[in-house]
Amino acid sequence: MTKSQEQAGQRSAEVRPRPLIVVSILMAVVGWWGLYELYSRTFPQDPGALSLFLALLFLAMTATLAPAVAYLNRRLAPAATTRDPWRFLRHSAWASLCLVVYAWLQAQRILSLGYALVIPLILVALEILIVRLRGEA
């Protein structure tokens, strides 16, 4: 493979910021609008309300965080971004998953400082495991 073919392959794997921002905004609007509708039209004890709340919260937070995380990844880790252009989506999903777990634990009335500190550590350990298994270290 020639150097120009490698560069062309890298360019095609790059994530373009403008479509990312448009899709993220649309997903965030759907997620936040869904949360608003859920909040205004249902009761917490309705069947499926908590599950729908957690799913919409995950969608809204992932879409809201994706542009900022993509910018930070491009700015602070350009070499890793070229190897894995979609890693920003994984990072924003980790942060959203952390918040969703916090919300679920709070709904069960068992969220404590210990859980709040251990959950991000577990997610960071999973991210390190993923990076090591893919050989990006």
Protein backbone atom coordinates (compact mmCIF):
# COMPACT_ATOMS: atom_id res chain seq x y z
CA MET A 1 0.00 0.00 0.00
CA THR A 2 1.43 3.36 -0.98
CA LYS A 3 1.60 6.36 1.29
CA SER A 4 -1.09 8.22 -0.68
CA GLN A 5 -3.45 5.24 -0.36
CA GLU A 6 -2.84 5.17 3.41
CA GLN A 7 -3.57 8.89 3.67
CA ALA A 8 -6.73 8.49 1.60
CA GLY A 9 -7.83 5.63 3.87
CA GLN A 10 -7.19 7.75 6.94
CA ARG A 11 -9.13 10.67 5.50
CA SER A 12 -12.13 8.46 4.77
CA ALA A 13 -12.06 7.16 8.37
CA GLU A 14 -12.03 10.67 9.84
CA VAL A 15 -15.19 11.93 11.44
CA ARG A 16 -16.36 15.19 9.97
CA PRO A 17 -17.46 17.69 12.62
CA ARG A 18 -20.41 19.31 10.84
CA PRO A 19 -22.54 16.17 10.27
CA LEU A 20 -21.61 15.02 13.76
CA ILE A 21 -22.92 18.24 15.27
CA VAL A 22 -26.15 18.09 13.24
CA VAL A 23 -26.86 14.46 14.19
CA SER A 24 -25.95 15.12 17.82
CA ILE A 25 -28.26 18.11 18.01
CA LEU A 26 -31.13 16.09 16.49
CA MET A 27 -30.56 13.19 18.88
CA ALA A 28 -30.27 15.55 21.85
CA VAL A 29 -33.51 17.30 20.91
CA VAL A 30 -35.30 13.95 20.62
CA GLY A 31 -33.89 12.79 23.95
CA TRP A 32 -34.60 15.97 25.91
CA TRP A 33 -38.05 16.38 24.31
CA GLY A 34 -38.83 12.77 25.19
CA LEU A 35 -37.76 13.38 28.78
CA TYR A 36 -39.96 16.47 28.94
CA GLU A 37 -42.96 14.57 27.57
CA LEU A 38 -42.33 11.67 29.92
CA TYR A 39 -42.09 14.02 32.87
CA SER A 40 -45.23 15.93 32.00
CA ARG A 41 -47.48 13.02 30.98
CA THR A 42 -46.65 10.07 33.22
CA PHE A 43 -46.34 9.23 36.89
CA PRO A 44 -43.25 7.59 38.39
CA GLN A 45 -45.22 4.49 39.40
CA ASP A 46 -46.51 3.86 35.85
CA PRO A 47 -45.16 0.62 34.38
CA GLY A 48 -42.12 1.23 32.22
CA ALA A 49 -41.72 4.87 33.23
CA LEU A 50 -38.36 4.34 34.93
CA SER A 51 -36.99 2.25 32.06
CA LEU A 52 -38.09 4.81 29.49
CA PHE A 53 -36.65 7.61 31.62
CA LEU A 54 -33.27 5.91 31.85
CA ALA A 55 -33.18 5.14 28.10
CA LEU A 56 -34.11 8.72 27.18
CA LEU A 57 -31.61 10.09 29.67
CA PHE A 58 -28.87 7.96 28.10
CA LEU A 59 -29.80 9.15 24.60
CA ALA A 60 -30.02 12.80 25.61
CA MET A 61 -26.75 12.82 27.56
CA THR A 62 -24.78 10.87 24.95
CA ALA A 63 -25.94 13.21 22.18
CA THR A 64 -25.31 16.29 24.30
CA LEU A 65 -21.80 15.22 25.30
CA ALA A 66 -20.69 13.86 21.90
CA PRO A 67 -19.61 17.16 20.24
CA ALA A 68 -17.65 18.33 23.28
CA VAL A 69 -15.97 14.96 23.73
CA ALA A 70 -15.15 14.80 20.01
CA TYR A 71 -13.52 18.22 20.21
CA LEU A 72 -11.52 17.27 23.30
CA ASN A 73 -10.39 14.02 21.69
CA ARG A 74 -9.28 15.81 18.51
CA ARG A 75 -7.54 18.50 20.53
CA LEU A 76 -5.86 16.46 23.27
CA ALA A 77 -5.35 13.03 21.64
CA PRO A 78 -4.98 13.47 17.87
CA ALA A 79 -2.93 10.28 17.41
CA ALA A 80 -5.50 8.13 19.19
CA THR A 81 -8.30 9.82 17.26
CA THR A 82 -6.71 8.91 13.94
CA ARG A 83 -6.46 5.25 15.04
CA ASP A 84 -10.02 5.13 16.36
CA PRO A 85 -12.10 8.02 14.97
CA TRP A 86 -15.26 6.96 16.81
CA ARG A 87 -13.72 6.80 20.28
CA PHE A 88 -15.46 10.06 21.23
CA LEU A 89 -18.79 8.27 20.95
CA ARG A 90 -17.57 5.53 23.28
CA HIS A 91 -16.35 8.13 25.79
CA SER A 92 -19.60 10.08 25.72
CA ALA A 93 -21.52 6.82 26.13
CA TRP A 94 -19.38 5.92 29.18
CA ALA A 95 -20.15 9.29 30.78
CA SER A 96 -23.84 8.90 29.99
CA LEU A 97 -23.88 5.37 31.36
CA CYS A 98 -22.33 6.64 34.57
CA LEU A 99 -25.07 9.27 34.93
CA VAL A 100 -27.80 6.74 34.11
CA VAL A 101 -26.48 4.36 36.77
CA TYR A 102 -26.44 7.25 39.24
CA ALA A 103 -30.07 8.05 38.37
CA TRP A 104 -31.11 4.41 38.74
CA LEU A 105 -29.33 4.07 42.08
CA GLN A 106 -30.95 7.29 43.29
CA ALA A 107 -34.38 6.02 42.21
CA GLN A 108 -33.73 2.91 44.33
CA ARG A 109 -32.52 5.17 47.18
CA ILE A 110 -29.13 3.45 47.44
CA LEU A 111 -26.79 5.99 45.85
CA SER A 112 -23.95 6.85 48.20
CA LEU A 113 -20.57 8.53 47.96
CA GLY A 114 -18.86 5.13 47.77
CA TYR A 115 -20.93 4.08 44.75
CA ALA A 116 -20.46 7.49 43.18
CA LEU A 117 -16.68 7.08 43.37
CA VAL A 118 -16.45 3.39 42.42
CA ILE A 119 -18.67 3.48 39.31
CA PRO A 120 -16.42 5.85 37.30
CA LEU A 121 -13.38 3.79 38.32
CA ILE A 122 -15.04 0.66 36.95
CA LEU A 123 -15.85 2.45 33.68
CA VAL A 124 -12.27 3.74 33.36
CA ALA A 125 -10.99 0.20 33.96
CA LEU A 126 -13.30 -1.07 31.20
CA GLU A 127 -12.02 1.63 28.83
CA ILE A 128 -8.41 0.68 29.59
CA LEU A 129 -9.28 -2.96 28.97
CA ILE A 130 -10.88 -2.11 25.62
CA VAL A 131 -7.88 -0.04 24.56
CA ARG A 132 -5.42 -2.76 25.59
CA LEU A 133 -7.37 -5.50 23.85
CA ARG A 134 -7.50 -3.50 20.64
CA GLY A 135 -3.79 -2.84 20.86
CA GLU A 136 -4.00 0.94 21.02
CA ALA A 137 -1.82 1.33 24.11
